[in-house]
Amino acid sequence: MEFAISAHGLRKSYGDIAAVAGLDLEVRHGEVFALLGPNGAGKTTTVEILEGYRKRDGGEVRVLDHDPAAANAEWRARVGIVLQGTGEFEELTVGELVRHFAAFYPKPDDPDEVIARVGLTGKAKARTHGLSGGQKRRLDVALGIVGRPELLFLDEPTTGFDPEARREFWQLIRELNTAGTTIMLTTHYLDEAEALAHRVGVIAGGRLVEVAEPSRLGHREQAPATVSWRTPDGTVESAESDTPTALVAELAARFDGEIPGLTVTRPTLEDVYLRMIGAAA
């Protein structure tokens, strides 16, 4: 199997509204794939169909070489899903809950090691209702990875994390991926997608607008660079250039050395993403 996830012509409607309108998607084994899109674009519906939690109206879907709509318990043991909350388990401690979920899998990871990996060792004996929002999100991640999944779905995994905790979580994702776990990530943090994903897909109006490496999405690597500098009177000037190195060399000659306030920038992933969803809208 070349692809961990393969969907062709995927469709799902709610009444007269097409949430997913003929979407095609392929996620390779061993990659981190980030699905980006505004609210209402069809991300959640697409992911829920791939997870086997929502029925599709049409199209072909294969996840780990099985149709998720007809998947059995053996298939589900190979798939990890980060849930949005512990809900009815709030009277259990962190340790009790992770061990409880570990019992659902044939070859689970060590619960104490999983708790440590998500940074909750100090809260292992705390009841989940007393955790902060960020700590609850870490617990959600622990429950999603305790079964040693081949494929892991992460839906907005770092919501509620402070910057340090986000960076620590990113390292955990890299370690899981290095160990062979295929990861499908949805996030509104574009820096997170750029830091983690091998490829990103932008979804709008129920269709994939483009799939590419983050550095190449929307041909951003070919976009003109913006060169800015400060003139002797303090005014900031800027110019777009396809050859920014040459422009900087000209400026260096003009200023006879250092160029005051020099910056050279190309469109960010956020710039490209906003342009794409704006055009789709």
Protein backbone atom coordinates (compact mmCIF):
# COMPACT_ATOMS: atom_id res chain seq x y z
CA MET A 1 0.00 0.00 0.00
CA GLU A 2 1.50 3.31 -1.09
CA PHE A 3 -1.17 5.35 0.64
CA ALA A 4 -2.40 5.16 4.22
CA ILE A 5 -5.43 7.22 3.17
CA SER A 6 -7.00 7.34 -0.26
CA ALA A 7 -10.28 9.11 -1.09
CA HIS A 8 -11.69 9.74 -4.56
CA GLY A 9 -14.87 11.62 -5.38
CA LEU A 10 -15.81 11.85 -1.69
CA ARG A 11 -19.22 13.45 -1.17
CA LYS A 12 -21.36 14.29 1.83
CA SER A 13 -24.37 16.61 1.97
CA TYR A 14 -26.62 17.84 4.74
CA GLY A 15 -29.91 18.61 3.06
CA ASP A 16 -29.16 21.00 0.21
CA ILE A 17 -25.73 21.89 1.56
CA ALA A 18 -22.75 19.98 0.14
CA ALA A 19 -20.21 19.76 2.96
CA VAL A 20 -17.84 17.64 0.86
CA ALA A 21 -18.20 17.98 -2.90
CA GLY A 22 -16.16 15.38 -4.79
CA LEU A 23 -12.99 15.58 -2.73
CA ASP A 24 -9.85 13.66 -3.78
CA LEU A 25 -7.15 13.04 -1.16
CA GLU A 26 -4.12 10.79 -0.76
CA VAL A 27 -1.91 10.56 2.32
CA ARG A 28 1.28 8.54 2.03
CA HIS A 29 2.46 6.06 4.64
CA GLY A 30 4.90 7.62 7.08
CA GLU A 31 4.10 11.27 6.39
CA VAL A 32 2.59 14.05 8.45
CA PHE A 33 -0.24 15.57 6.42
CA ALA A 34 -1.92 18.80 7.55
CA LEU A 35 -5.43 19.62 6.37
CA LEU A 36 -6.09 23.35 6.44
CA GLY A 37 -9.30 25.23 5.86
CA PRO A 38 -11.74 27.72 7.40
CA ASN A 39 -14.66 26.69 9.55
CA GLY A 40 -17.39 25.19 7.39
CA ALA A 41 -14.99 24.18 4.61
CA GLY A 42 -15.61 20.46 5.10
CA LYS A 43 -12.53 19.53 7.17
CA THR A 44 -14.35 17.95 10.09
CA THR A 45 -16.80 16.03 7.90
CA THR A 46 -13.94 14.70 5.77
CA VAL A 47 -11.92 13.57 8.79
CA GLU A 48 -14.94 11.95 10.46
CA ILE A 49 -15.62 9.93 7.29
CA LEU A 50 -11.98 8.81 7.20
CA GLU A 51 -12.19 7.84 10.87
CA GLY A 52 -15.32 5.78 10.22
CA TYR A 53 -17.55 7.94 12.42
CA ARG A 54 -19.67 9.43 9.64
CA LYS A 55 -21.22 7.82 6.57
CA ARG A 56 -20.44 9.25 3.15
CA ASP A 57 -22.97 9.81 0.39
CA GLY A 58 -20.60 8.81 -2.41
CA GLY A 59 -17.04 8.22 -3.48
CA GLU A 60 -14.40 5.64 -2.68
CA VAL A 61 -12.40 5.65 0.57
CA ARG A 62 -9.60 3.38 1.76
CA VAL A 63 -7.88 3.88 5.10
CA LEU A 64 -5.12 1.39 5.93
CA ASP A 65 -6.48 -0.62 2.99
CA HIS A 66 -9.99 -0.88 4.46
CA ASP A 67 -13.24 0.97 3.93
CA PRO A 68 -13.71 2.82 7.26
CA ALA A 69 -17.49 2.59 6.88
CA ALA A 70 -17.24 -1.20 7.26
CA ALA A 71 -14.20 -1.40 9.52
CA ASN A 72 -13.95 -3.93 12.35
CA ALA A 73 -12.34 -3.81 15.78
CA GLU A 74 -9.00 -5.01 14.44
CA TRP A 75 -8.85 -2.02 12.08
CA ARG A 76 -9.87 0.41 14.80
CA ALA A 77 -7.02 -0.84 16.99
CA ARG A 78 -4.61 0.36 14.29
CA VAL A 79 -6.06 3.89 14.21
CA GLY A 80 -5.57 6.53 16.89
CA ILE A 81 -7.94 9.46 17.28
CA VAL A 82 -7.45 12.42 19.58
CA LEU A 83 -10.85 13.10 21.06
CA GLN A 84 -12.05 16.57 22.02
CA GLY A 85 -12.72 15.75 25.67
CA THR A 86 -12.86 13.08 28.35
CA GLY A 87 -16.52 13.82 29.18
CA GLU A 88 -18.04 11.07 31.29
CA PHE A 89 -14.65 9.98 32.65
CA GLU A 90 -14.03 13.15 34.65
CA GLU A 91 -14.12 11.38 38.03
CA LEU A 92 -11.21 9.11 37.07
CA THR A 93 -7.61 10.11 37.61
CA VAL A 94 -5.27 10.66 34.67
CA GLY A 95 -3.51 7.35 35.37
CA GLU A 96 -6.75 5.42 35.72
CA LEU A 97 -8.12 6.81 32.47
CA VAL A 98 -5.01 6.12 30.39
CA ARG A 99 -4.80 2.55 31.77
CA HIS A 100 -8.53 2.11 31.05
CA PHE A 101 -8.04 3.10 27.40
CA ALA A 102 -4.88 0.99 27.11
CA ALA A 103 -6.97 -2.10 27.92
CA PHE A 104 -8.91 -1.62 24.67
CA TYR A 105 -5.85 -2.38 22.52
CA PRO A 106 -4.04 -5.67 21.85
CA LYS A 107 -0.53 -4.17 22.16
CA PRO A 108 -0.78 -0.87 24.03
CA ASP A 109 2.10 1.35 25.00
CA ASP A 110 3.06 1.57 28.67
CA PRO A 111 0.51 3.97 30.26
CA ASP A 112 3.05 5.57 32.59
CA GLU A 113 5.41 6.23 29.67
CA VAL A 114 2.59 7.74 27.64
CA ILE A 115 1.64 10.01 30.53
CA ALA A 116 5.26 11.13 30.78
CA ARG A 117 5.50 11.78 27.03
CA VAL A 118 2.59 14.23 27.14
CA GLY A 119 3.96 15.96 30.23
CA LEU A 120 1.39 14.82 32.81
CA THR A 121 3.48 12.72 35.20
CA GLY A 122 2.87 15.22 37.99
CA LYS A 123 -0.89 14.94 37.39
CA ALA A 124 -1.12 11.14 37.14
CA LYS A 125 -3.12 10.92 40.38
CA ALA A 126 -5.24 14.01 39.72
CA ARG A 127 -8.88 13.64 38.71
CA THR A 128 -9.46 14.82 35.19
CA HIS A 129 -12.17 17.35 36.11
CA GLY A 130 -9.51 19.32 38.00
CA LEU A 131 -7.13 19.68 35.07
CA SER A 132 -6.59 22.94 33.22
CA GLY A 133 -7.68 23.25 29.61
CA GLY A 134 -4.17 22.65 28.30
CA GLN A 135 -3.68 19.65 30.61
CA LYS A 136 -6.96 18.13 29.42
CA ARG A 137 -5.78 18.51 25.84
CA ARG A 138 -2.55 16.66 26.70
CA LEU A 139 -4.67 13.90 28.22
CA ASP A 140 -6.71 13.71 25.01
CA VAL A 141 -3.46 13.17 23.11
CA ALA A 142 -2.35 10.47 25.56
CA LEU A 143 -5.60 8.56 24.99
CA GLY A 144 -5.09 8.82 21.24
CA ILE A 145 -1.57 7.37 21.23
CA VAL A 146 -1.68 4.75 24.00
CA GLY A 147 -2.67 2.05 21.49
CA ARG A 148 0.49 2.54 19.37
CA PRO A 149 -1.53 3.51 16.26
CA GLU A 150 -0.23 3.10 12.72
CA LEU A 151 -2.32 6.11 11.73
CA LEU A 152 -3.09 8.98 14.08
CA PHE A 153 -5.77 11.64 13.53
CA LEU A 154 -5.10 14.89 15.39
CA ASP A 155 -7.86 17.49 15.34
CA GLU A 156 -6.63 20.86 16.64
CA PRO A 157 -4.32 19.07 19.08
CA THR A 158 -2.59 22.09 20.66
CA THR A 159 -5.65 24.21 21.39
CA GLY A 160 -5.14 25.65 24.86
CA PHE A 161 -1.39 25.01 24.94
CA ASP A 162 1.01 27.78 25.88
CA PRO A 163 3.94 28.37 23.47
CA GLU A 164 6.36 26.17 25.41
CA ALA A 165 3.86 23.31 25.64
CA ARG A 166 3.16 23.58 21.91
CA ARG A 167 6.86 23.21 21.08
CA GLU A 168 7.09 20.19 23.40
CA PHE A 169 4.06 18.64 21.69
CA TRP A 170 5.59 19.24 18.27
CA GLN A 171 8.61 17.25 19.38
CA LEU A 172 6.32 14.41 20.48
CA ILE A 173 4.66 14.38 17.05
CA ARG A 174 8.07 14.27 15.35
CA GLU A 175 9.09 11.34 17.55
CA LEU A 176 5.88 9.44 16.75
CA ASN A 177 6.36 10.07 13.05
CA THR A 178 10.03 9.04 13.16
CA ALA A 179 8.90 5.78 14.79
CA GLY A 180 6.65 5.13 11.78
CA THR A 181 3.27 6.61 12.68
CA THR A 182 1.39 8.27 9.83
CA ILE A 183 -0.29 11.43 11.08
CA MET A 184 -3.19 13.45 9.72
CA LEU A 185 -3.40 16.82 11.40
CA THR A 186 -6.01 19.55 11.25
CA THR A 187 -5.01 22.88 12.70
CA HIS A 188 -5.71 26.59 12.51
CA TYR A 189 -2.11 27.32 13.53
CA LEU A 190 -0.28 27.72 10.22
CA ASP A 191 3.12 27.80 11.94
CA GLU A 192 2.23 24.38 13.36
CA ALA A 193 1.46 23.01 9.89
CA GLU A 194 4.69 24.48 8.54
CA ALA A 195 6.74 23.06 11.41
CA LEU A 196 5.29 19.53 11.31
CA ALA A 197 3.80 18.65 7.93
CA HIS A 198 5.56 17.06 5.00
CA ARG A 199 2.60 18.17 2.89
CA VAL A 200 -0.43 20.38 3.44
CA GLY A 201 -3.81 20.40 1.75
CA VAL A 202 -6.09 23.44 1.64
CA ILE A 203 -9.79 22.64 1.63
CA ALA A 204 -12.49 25.15 0.73
CA GLY A 205 -16.07 24.61 -0.33
CA GLY A 206 -15.76 20.88 0.24
CA ARG A 207 -12.91 20.45 -2.26
CA LEU A 208 -9.14 20.37 -2.05
CA VAL A 209 -7.81 23.57 -3.58
CA GLU A 210 -4.18 22.41 -3.60
CA VAL A 211 -1.81 19.90 -2.00
CA ALA A 212 1.90 20.68 -1.73
CA GLU A 213 4.88 20.92 0.58
CA PRO A 214 4.41 23.92 2.89
CA SER A 215 7.31 25.77 1.26
CA ARG A 216 5.80 25.25 -2.21
CA LEU A 217 2.10 25.81 -1.56
CA GLY A 218 0.74 28.36 -4.01
CA HIS A 219 4.18 28.51 -5.67
CA ARG A 220 5.34 30.67 -2.80
CA GLU A 221 8.95 29.66 -3.44
CA GLN A 222 8.68 31.42 -6.83
CA ALA A 223 6.87 34.52 -5.58
CA PRO A 224 8.68 37.86 -5.73
CA ALA A 225 10.50 38.86 -2.55
CA THR A 226 9.80 42.16 -0.82
CA VAL A 227 12.98 44.08 0.03
CA SER A 228 12.64 46.92 2.54
CA TRP A 229 15.19 49.42 3.81
CA ARG A 230 15.41 52.75 5.61
CA THR A 231 16.58 55.85 3.77
CA PRO A 232 18.90 58.45 5.35
CA ASP A 233 15.92 60.65 6.27
CA GLY A 234 14.30 57.72 8.12
CA THR A 235 11.68 56.84 5.50
CA VAL A 236 11.07 53.13 4.94
CA GLU A 237 11.08 52.14 1.28
CA SER A 238 10.33 48.74 -0.25
CA ALA A 239 10.33 47.03 -3.61
CA GLU A 240 9.28 43.64 -4.97
CA SER A 241 11.95 41.74 -6.84
CA ASP A 242 12.40 38.38 -8.53
CA THR A 243 16.14 38.81 -7.93
CA PRO A 244 16.40 40.08 -4.36
CA THR A 245 20.11 39.24 -4.05
CA ALA A 246 20.90 41.57 -6.94
CA LEU A 247 18.74 44.31 -5.43
CA VAL A 248 20.45 43.96 -2.07
CA ALA A 249 23.83 44.20 -3.82
CA GLU A 250 22.71 47.43 -5.51
CA LEU A 251 21.54 48.84 -2.19
CA ALA A 252 24.80 47.85 -0.48
CA ALA A 253 26.71 49.77 -3.14
CA ARG A 254 24.39 52.75 -2.77
CA PHE A 255 24.83 52.83 1.03
CA ASP A 256 28.52 51.92 0.75
CA GLY A 257 28.15 48.97 3.13
CA GLU A 258 25.43 48.15 5.65
CA ILE A 259 21.83 48.78 4.55
CA PRO A 260 19.78 50.42 7.33
CA GLY A 261 16.69 48.43 8.36
CA LEU A 262 17.14 45.79 5.65
CA THR A 263 14.52 43.04 5.47
CA VAL A 264 13.91 40.49 2.72
CA THR A 265 10.66 38.51 2.90
CA ARG A 266 8.62 36.18 0.71
CA PRO A 267 4.92 35.36 1.14
CA THR A 268 4.30 33.33 4.29
CA LEU A 269 2.20 30.19 4.42
CA GLU A 270 -0.52 32.34 5.99
CA ASP A 271 -0.39 34.81 3.07
CA VAL A 272 -0.79 32.01 0.54
CA TYR A 273 -3.51 30.25 2.55
CA LEU A 274 -5.61 33.40 2.94
CA ARG A 275 -5.31 34.12 -0.77
CA MET A 276 -6.44 30.60 -1.62
CA ILE A 277 -9.51 30.52 0.60
CA GLY A 278 -10.39 34.06 -0.46
CA ALA A 279 -10.30 33.04 -4.12
CA ALA A 280 -12.36 29.92 -3.37
CA ALA A 281 -14.96 31.98 -1.53
